[in-house]
Amino acid sequence: MAGDQTPRPAGEPDDIPSGAGQGWTALSYLIGGMLVWGFIGWLVDQWLDTGGVATGIGVVLGMAGGIILVVRRLGTPT
């Protein structure tokens, strides 16, 4: 019966969030990557005085990394 099933423990590494959790996870990966790599690019700009080029490159690399993480984490389940 339905009451005889034991609940799955939460927090396992292979857990895939469902619904809104997937959206928030994807959004946080994208924004986090842009902020972290954009900040690293800004630091390189300050160091080399490149006028914002490294910041732009950092933001683009952060977006690409965020997309890769989203696809790996939330892509088609195997």
PDB file of N, CA and C in Angstrom:
ATOM      1  N   MET A   1       0.829  -1.175   0.000  1.00  0.00           N
ATOM      2  CA  MET A   1       0.000   0.000   0.000  1.00  0.00           C
ATOM      3  C   MET A   1       0.874   1.239   0.000  1.00  0.00           C
ATOM      4  N   ALA A   2       0.245   2.382  -0.139  1.00  0.00           N
ATOM      5  CA  ALA A   2       1.008   3.629  -0.254  1.00  0.00           C
ATOM      6  C   ALA A   2       1.761   3.947   1.030  1.00  0.00           C
ATOM      7  N   GLY A   3       1.232   3.570   2.158  1.00  0.00           N
ATOM      8  CA  GLY A   3       1.890   3.874   3.421  1.00  0.00           C
ATOM      9  C   GLY A   3       3.065   2.963   3.723  1.00  0.00           C
ATOM     10  N   ASP A   4       3.211   1.870   2.985  1.00  0.00           N
ATOM     11  CA  ASP A   4       4.287   0.917   3.233  1.00  0.00           C
ATOM     12  C   ASP A   4       5.604   1.304   2.563  1.00  0.00           C
ATOM     13  N   GLN A   5       5.593   2.289   1.700  1.00  0.00           N
ATOM     14  CA  GLN A   5       6.811   2.688   0.994  1.00  0.00           C
ATOM     15  C   GLN A   5       7.683   3.538   1.902  1.00  0.00           C
ATOM     16  N   THR A   6       8.981   3.263   1.859  1.00  0.00           N
ATOM     17  CA  THR A   6       9.912   4.087   2.633  1.00  0.00           C
ATOM     18  C   THR A   6      10.327   5.280   1.786  1.00  0.00           C
ATOM     19  N   PRO A   7      10.339   6.467   2.372  1.00  0.00           N
ATOM     20  CA  PRO A   7      10.710   7.656   1.591  1.00  0.00           C
ATOM     21  C   PRO A   7      12.196   7.645   1.249  1.00  0.00           C
ATOM     22  N   ARG A   8      12.515   8.185   0.066  1.00  0.00           N
ATOM     23  CA  ARG A   8      13.902   8.308  -0.358  1.00  0.00           C
ATOM     24  C   ARG A   8      14.582   9.409   0.440  1.00  0.00           C
ATOM     25  N   PRO A   9      15.791   9.180   0.923  1.00  0.00           N
ATOM     26  CA  PRO A   9      16.481  10.263   1.617  1.00  0.00           C
ATOM     27  C   PRO A   9      16.833  11.382   0.645  1.00  0.00           C
ATOM     28  N   ALA A  10      16.654  12.612   1.090  1.00  0.00           N
ATOM     29  CA  ALA A  10      16.944  13.773   0.245  1.00  0.00           C
ATOM     30  C   ALA A  10      18.419  14.128   0.334  1.00  0.00           C
ATOM     31  N   GLY A  11      18.892  14.831  -0.666  1.00  0.00           N
ATOM     32  CA  GLY A  11      20.246  15.346  -0.636  1.00  0.00           C
ATOM     33  C   GLY A  11      21.292  14.433  -1.237  1.00  0.00           C
ATOM     34  N   GLU A  12      20.877  13.400  -1.946  1.00  0.00           N
ATOM     35  CA  GLU A  12      21.848  12.529  -2.587  1.00  0.00           C
ATOM     36  C   GLU A  12      22.470  13.266  -3.768  1.00  0.00           C
ATOM     37  N   PRO A  13      23.722  12.958  -4.127  1.00  0.00           N
ATOM     38  CA  PRO A  13      24.389  13.689  -5.204  1.00  0.00           C
ATOM     39  C   PRO A  13      23.703  13.569  -6.558  1.00  0.00           C
ATOM     40  N   ASP A  14      22.982  12.481  -6.811  1.00  0.00           N
ATOM     41  CA  ASP A  14      22.345  12.324  -8.111  1.00  0.00           C
ATOM     42  C   ASP A  14      20.899  12.812  -8.127  1.00  0.00           C
ATOM     43  N   ASP A  15      20.471  13.502  -7.065  1.00  0.00           N
ATOM     44  CA  ASP A  15      19.124  14.052  -7.049  1.00  0.00           C
ATOM     45  C   ASP A  15      19.008  15.168  -8.084  1.00  0.00           C
ATOM     46  N   ILE A  16      17.935  15.151  -8.856  1.00  0.00           N
ATOM     47  CA  ILE A  16      17.674  16.199  -9.825  1.00  0.00           C
ATOM     48  C   ILE A  16      16.482  16.986  -9.317  1.00  0.00           C
ATOM     49  N   PRO A  17      16.654  18.281  -9.065  1.00  0.00           N
ATOM     50  CA  PRO A  17      15.520  19.066  -8.585  1.00  0.00           C
ATOM     51  C   PRO A  17      14.436  19.138  -9.647  1.00  0.00           C
ATOM     52  N   SER A  18      13.200  19.240  -9.211  1.00  0.00           N
ATOM     53  CA  SER A  18      12.106  19.267 -10.168  1.00  0.00           C
ATOM     54  C   SER A  18      11.405  20.619 -10.126  1.00  0.00           C
ATOM     55  N   GLY A  19      10.760  20.959 -11.207  1.00  0.00           N
ATOM     56  CA  GLY A  19       9.943  22.159 -11.263  1.00  0.00           C
ATOM     57  C   GLY A  19      10.739  23.429 -11.094  1.00  0.00           C
ATOM     58  N   ALA A  20      10.290  24.237 -10.146  1.00  0.00           N
ATOM     59  CA  ALA A  20      10.919  25.530  -9.919  1.00  0.00           C
ATOM     60  C   ALA A  20      12.357  25.381  -9.445  1.00  0.00           C
ATOM     61  N   GLY A  21      12.664  24.270  -8.791  1.00  0.00           N
ATOM     62  CA  GLY A  21      14.033  24.044  -8.332  1.00  0.00           C
ATOM     63  C   GLY A  21      15.024  23.989  -9.482  1.00  0.00           C
ATOM     64  N   GLN A  22      14.614  23.406 -10.604  1.00  0.00           N
ATOM     65  CA  GLN A  22      15.484  23.364 -11.774  1.00  0.00           C
ATOM     66  C   GLN A  22      15.716  24.763 -12.328  1.00  0.00           C
ATOM     67  N   GLY A  23      14.689  25.557 -12.357  1.00  0.00           N
ATOM     68  CA  GLY A  23      14.829  26.928 -12.849  1.00  0.00           C
ATOM     69  C   GLY A  23      15.757  27.754 -11.987  1.00  0.00           C
ATOM     70  N   TRP A  24      15.583  27.663 -10.669  1.00  0.00           N
ATOM     71  CA  TRP A  24      16.456  28.419  -9.763  1.00  0.00           C
ATOM     72  C   TRP A  24      17.895  27.925  -9.835  1.00  0.00           C
ATOM     73  N   THR A  25      18.069  26.615 -10.003  1.00  0.00           N
ATOM     74  CA  THR A  25      19.420  26.068 -10.124  1.00  0.00           C
ATOM     75  C   THR A  25      20.081  26.583 -11.388  1.00  0.00           C
ATOM     76  N   ALA A  26      19.370  26.549 -12.509  1.00  0.00           N
ATOM     77  CA  ALA A  26      19.924  27.031 -13.774  1.00  0.00           C
ATOM     78  C   ALA A  26      20.245  28.515 -13.696  1.00  0.00           C
ATOM     79  N   LEU A  27      19.339  29.299 -13.138  1.00  0.00           N
ATOM     80  CA  LEU A  27      19.559  30.734 -13.006  1.00  0.00           C
ATOM     81  C   LEU A  27      20.758  31.046 -12.129  1.00  0.00           C
ATOM     82  N   SER A  28      20.909  30.317 -11.036  1.00  0.00           N
ATOM     83  CA  SER A  28      22.037  30.579 -10.144  1.00  0.00           C
ATOM     84  C   SER A  28      23.364  30.182 -10.781  1.00  0.00           C
ATOM     85  N   TYR A  29      23.391  29.099 -11.572  1.00  0.00           N
ATOM     86  CA  TYR A  29      24.611  28.735 -12.288  1.00  0.00           C
ATOM     87  C   TYR A  29      25.001  29.824 -13.275  1.00  0.00           C
ATOM     88  N   LEU A  30      24.039  30.339 -14.026  1.00  0.00           N
ATOM     89  CA  LEU A  30      24.334  31.346 -15.034  1.00  0.00           C
ATOM     90  C   LEU A  30      24.781  32.664 -14.405  1.00  0.00           C
ATOM     91  N   ILE A  31      24.042  33.132 -13.421  1.00  0.00           N
ATOM     92  CA  ILE A  31      24.392  34.400 -12.782  1.00  0.00           C
ATOM     93  C   ILE A  31      25.691  34.263 -11.999  1.00  0.00           C
ATOM     94  N   GLY A  32      25.852  33.152 -11.300  1.00  0.00           N
ATOM     95  CA  GLY A  32      27.082  32.940 -10.538  1.00  0.00           C
ATOM     96  C   GLY A  32      28.313  32.902 -11.427  1.00  0.00           C
ATOM     97  N   GLY A  33      28.208  32.204 -12.559  1.00  0.00           N
ATOM     98  CA  GLY A  33      29.339  32.151 -13.479  1.00  0.00           C
ATOM     99  C   GLY A  33      29.676  33.516 -14.037  1.00  0.00           C
ATOM    100  N   MET A  34      28.646  34.285 -14.410  1.00  0.00           N
ATOM    101  CA  MET A  34      28.891  35.624 -14.941  1.00  0.00           C
ATOM    102  C   MET A  34      29.536  36.525 -13.895  1.00  0.00           C
ATOM    103  N   LEU A  35      29.060  36.454 -12.653  1.00  0.00           N
ATOM    104  CA  LEU A  35      29.606  37.317 -11.614  1.00  0.00           C
ATOM    105  C   LEU A  35      31.044  36.943 -11.255  1.00  0.00           C
ATOM    106  N   VAL A  36      31.285  35.661 -11.075  1.00  0.00           N
ATOM    107  CA  VAL A  36      32.628  35.224 -10.660  1.00  0.00           C
ATOM    108  C   VAL A  36      33.650  35.517 -11.754  1.00  0.00           C
ATOM    109  N   TRP A  37      33.359  35.075 -12.995  1.00  0.00           N
ATOM    110  CA  TRP A  37      34.333  35.273 -14.068  1.00  0.00           C
ATOM    111  C   TRP A  37      34.385  36.724 -14.527  1.00  0.00           C
ATOM    112  N   GLY A  38      33.277  37.444 -14.397  1.00  0.00           N
ATOM    113  CA  GLY A  38      33.313  38.882 -14.669  1.00  0.00           C
ATOM    114  C   GLY A  38      34.188  39.618 -13.671  1.00  0.00           C
ATOM    115  N   PHE A  39      34.114  39.221 -12.408  1.00  0.00           N
ATOM    116  CA  PHE A  39      34.964  39.835 -11.385  1.00  0.00           C
ATOM    117  C   PHE A  39      36.435  39.506 -11.626  1.00  0.00           C
ATOM    118  N   ILE A  40      36.709  38.256 -12.005  1.00  0.00           N
ATOM    119  CA  ILE A  40      38.097  37.892 -12.321  1.00  0.00           C
ATOM    120  C   ILE A  40      38.586  38.710 -13.516  1.00  0.00           C
ATOM    121  N   GLY A  41      37.737  38.888 -14.518  1.00  0.00           N
ATOM    122  CA  GLY A  41      38.098  39.729 -15.660  1.00  0.00           C
ATOM    123  C   GLY A  41      38.327  41.165 -15.253  1.00  0.00           C
ATOM    124  N   TRP A  42      37.508  41.678 -14.343  1.00  0.00           N
ATOM    125  CA  TRP A  42      37.697  43.043 -13.849  1.00  0.00           C
ATOM    126  C   TRP A  42      39.030  43.184 -13.140  1.00  0.00           C
ATOM    127  N   LEU A  43      39.391  42.171 -12.341  1.00  0.00           N
ATOM    128  CA  LEU A  43      40.696  42.212 -11.675  1.00  0.00           C
ATOM    129  C   LEU A  43      41.835  42.232 -12.690  1.00  0.00           C
ATOM    130  N   VAL A  44      41.703  41.437 -13.751  1.00  0.00           N
ATOM    131  CA  VAL A  44      42.721  41.434 -14.810  1.00  0.00           C
ATOM    132  C   VAL A  44      42.762  42.798 -15.491  1.00  0.00           C
ATOM    133  N   ASP A  45      41.585  43.421 -15.703  1.00  0.00           N
ATOM    134  CA  ASP A  45      41.544  44.768 -16.274  1.00  0.00           C
ATOM    135  C   ASP A  45      42.288  45.776 -15.403  1.00  0.00           C
ATOM    136  N   GLN A  46      42.077  45.680 -14.115  1.00  0.00           N
ATOM    137  CA  GLN A  46      42.755  46.606 -13.204  1.00  0.00           C
ATOM    138  C   GLN A  46      44.258  46.382 -13.214  1.00  0.00           C
ATOM    139  N   TRP A  47      44.645  45.141 -13.327  1.00  0.00           N
ATOM    140  CA  TRP A  47      46.066  44.789 -13.305  1.00  0.00           C
ATOM    141  C   TRP A  47      46.765  45.210 -14.600  1.00  0.00           C
ATOM    142  N   LEU A  48      46.132  44.912 -15.756  1.00  0.00           N
ATOM    143  CA  LEU A  48      46.767  45.173 -17.048  1.00  0.00           C
ATOM    144  C   LEU A  48      46.296  46.466 -17.716  1.00  0.00           C
ATOM    145  N   ASP A  49      45.302  47.136 -17.148  1.00  0.00           N
ATOM    146  CA  ASP A  49      44.734  48.378 -17.680  1.00  0.00           C
ATOM    147  C   ASP A  49      44.304  48.202 -19.138  1.00  0.00           C
ATOM    148  N   THR A  50      43.411  47.212 -19.368  1.00  0.00           N
ATOM    149  CA  THR A  50      42.973  46.899 -20.724  1.00  0.00           C
ATOM    150  C   THR A  50      41.655  47.574 -21.101  1.00  0.00           C
ATOM    151  N   GLY A  51      41.079  48.355 -20.235  1.00  0.00           N
ATOM    152  CA  GLY A  51      39.894  49.135 -20.580  1.00  0.00           C
ATOM    153  C   GLY A  51      38.600  48.349 -20.689  1.00  0.00           C
ATOM    154  N   GLY A  52      38.430  47.302 -19.943  1.00  0.00           N
ATOM    155  CA  GLY A  52      37.174  46.563 -19.906  1.00  0.00           C
ATOM    156  C   GLY A  52      37.105  45.351 -20.811  1.00  0.00           C
ATOM    157  N   VAL A  53      38.121  45.110 -21.583  1.00  0.00           N
ATOM    158  CA  VAL A  53      38.106  43.964 -22.494  1.00  0.00           C
ATOM    159  C   VAL A  53      38.083  42.650 -21.705  1.00  0.00           C
ATOM    160  N   ALA A  54      38.918  42.554 -20.699  1.00  0.00           N
ATOM    161  CA  ALA A  54      38.987  41.321 -19.913  1.00  0.00           C
ATOM    162  C   ALA A  54      37.695  41.083 -19.138  1.00  0.00           C
ATOM    163  N   THR A  55      37.024  42.157 -18.713  1.00  0.00           N
ATOM    164  CA  THR A  55      35.745  41.995 -18.021  1.00  0.00           C
ATOM    165  C   THR A  55      34.711  41.388 -18.960  1.00  0.00           C
ATOM    166  N   GLY A  56      34.632  41.880 -20.176  1.00  0.00           N
ATOM    167  CA  GLY A  56      33.703  41.322 -21.157  1.00  0.00           C
ATOM    168  C   GLY A  56      34.004  39.874 -21.470  1.00  0.00           C
ATOM    169  N   ILE A  57      35.277  39.562 -21.627  1.00  0.00           N
ATOM    170  CA  ILE A  57      35.669  38.179 -21.888  1.00  0.00           C
ATOM    171  C   ILE A  57      35.312  37.297 -20.700  1.00  0.00           C
ATOM    172  N   GLY A  58      35.533  37.808 -19.492  1.00  0.00           N
ATOM    173  CA  GLY A  58      35.201  37.046 -18.293  1.00  0.00           C
ATOM    174  C   GLY A  58      33.717  36.760 -18.179  1.00  0.00           C
ATOM    175  N   VAL A  59      32.880  37.749 -18.500  1.00  0.00           N
ATOM    176  CA  VAL A  59      31.426  37.553 -18.437  1.00  0.00           C
ATOM    177  C   VAL A  59      30.988  36.504 -19.460  1.00  0.00           C
ATOM    178  N   VAL A  60      31.542  36.584 -20.675  1.00  0.00           N
ATOM    179  CA  VAL A  60      31.181  35.611 -21.710  1.00  0.00           C
ATOM    180  C   VAL A  60      31.629  34.209 -21.309  1.00  0.00           C
ATOM    181  N   LEU A  61      32.843  34.090 -20.780  1.00  0.00           N
ATOM    182  CA  LEU A  61      33.317  32.788 -20.316  1.00  0.00           C
ATOM    183  C   LEU A  61      32.461  32.263 -19.162  1.00  0.00           C
ATOM    184  N   GLY A  62      32.032  33.163 -18.273  1.00  0.00           N
ATOM    185  CA  GLY A  62      31.159  32.760 -17.175  1.00  0.00           C
ATOM    186  C   GLY A  62      29.818  32.257 -17.659  1.00  0.00           C
ATOM    187  N   MET A  63      29.261  32.915 -18.691  1.00  0.00           N
ATOM    188  CA  MET A  63      27.997  32.435 -19.258  1.00  0.00           C
ATOM    189  C   MET A  63      28.181  31.069 -19.899  1.00  0.00           C
ATOM    190  N   ALA A  64      29.256  30.898 -20.632  1.00  0.00           N
ATOM    191  CA  ALA A  64      29.516  29.605 -21.273  1.00  0.00           C
ATOM    192  C   ALA A  64      29.688  28.511 -20.224  1.00  0.00           C
ATOM    193  N   GLY A  65      30.438  28.811 -19.181  1.00  0.00           N
ATOM    194  CA  GLY A  65      30.615  27.827 -18.109  1.00  0.00           C
ATOM    195  C   GLY A  65      29.308  27.517 -17.406  1.00  0.00           C
ATOM    196  N   GLY A  66      28.470  28.532 -17.194  1.00  0.00           N
ATOM    197  CA  GLY A  66      27.169  28.310 -16.578  1.00  0.00           C
ATOM    198  C   GLY A  66      26.273  27.442 -17.434  1.00  0.00           C
ATOM    199  N   ILE A  67      26.306  27.658 -18.742  1.00  0.00           N
ATOM    200  CA  ILE A  67      25.500  26.835 -19.650  1.00  0.00           C
ATOM    201  C   ILE A  67      25.977  25.390 -19.624  1.00  0.00           C
ATOM    202  N   ILE A  68      27.295  25.205 -19.603  1.00  0.00           N
ATOM    203  CA  ILE A  68      27.834  23.842 -19.540  1.00  0.00           C
ATOM    204  C   ILE A  68      27.385  23.154 -18.243  1.00  0.00           C
ATOM    205  N   LEU A  69      27.433  23.877 -17.123  1.00  0.00           N
ATOM    206  CA  LEU A  69      26.996  23.297 -15.852  1.00  0.00           C
ATOM    207  C   LEU A  69      25.508  22.954 -15.869  1.00  0.00           C
ATOM    208  N   VAL A  70      24.704  23.834 -16.450  1.00  0.00           N
ATOM    209  CA  VAL A  70      23.258  23.576 -16.525  1.00  0.00           C
ATOM    210  C   VAL A  70      22.988  22.330 -17.351  1.00  0.00           C
ATOM    211  N   VAL A  71      23.662  22.203 -18.488  1.00  0.00           N
ATOM    212  CA  VAL A  71      23.435  21.038 -19.341  1.00  0.00           C
ATOM    213  C   VAL A  71      23.894  19.767 -18.645  1.00  0.00           C
ATOM    214  N   ARG A  72      25.034  19.815 -17.972  1.00  0.00           N
ATOM    215  CA  ARG A  72      25.529  18.616 -17.276  1.00  0.00           C
ATOM    216  C   ARG A  72      24.653  18.241 -16.099  1.00  0.00           C
ATOM    217  N   ARG A  73      24.227  19.232 -15.334  1.00  0.00           N
ATOM    218  CA  ARG A  73      23.468  18.942 -14.108  1.00  0.00           C
ATOM    219  C   ARG A  73      21.985  18.681 -14.392  1.00  0.00           C
ATOM    220  N   LEU A  74      21.406  19.472 -15.274  1.00  0.00           N
ATOM    221  CA  LEU A  74      19.957  19.403 -15.480  1.00  0.00           C
ATOM    222  C   LEU A  74      19.562  18.871 -16.845  1.00  0.00           C
ATOM    223  N   GLY A  75      20.531  18.371 -17.599  1.00  0.00           N
ATOM    224  CA  GLY A  75      20.240  17.841 -18.922  1.00  0.00           C
ATOM    225  C   GLY A  75      19.395  16.588 -18.845  1.00  0.00           C
ATOM    226  N   THR A  76      19.314  15.886 -19.922  1.00  0.00           N
ATOM    227  CA  THR A  76      18.510  14.683 -19.992  1.00  0.00           C
ATOM    228  C   THR A  76      18.987  13.656 -18.980  1.00  0.00           C
ATOM    229  N   PRO A  77      18.109  13.197 -18.098  1.00  0.00           N
ATOM    230  CA  PRO A  77      18.531  12.185 -17.117  1.00  0.00           C
ATOM    231  C   PRO A  77      18.886  10.871 -17.808  1.00  0.00           C
ATOM    232  N   THR A  78      19.899  10.213 -17.278  1.00  0.00           N
ATOM    233  CA  THR A  78      20.331   8.939 -17.871  1.00  0.00           C
ATOM    234  C   THR A  78      19.717   7.763 -17.178  1.00  0.00           C
TER     235      THR A  78
END
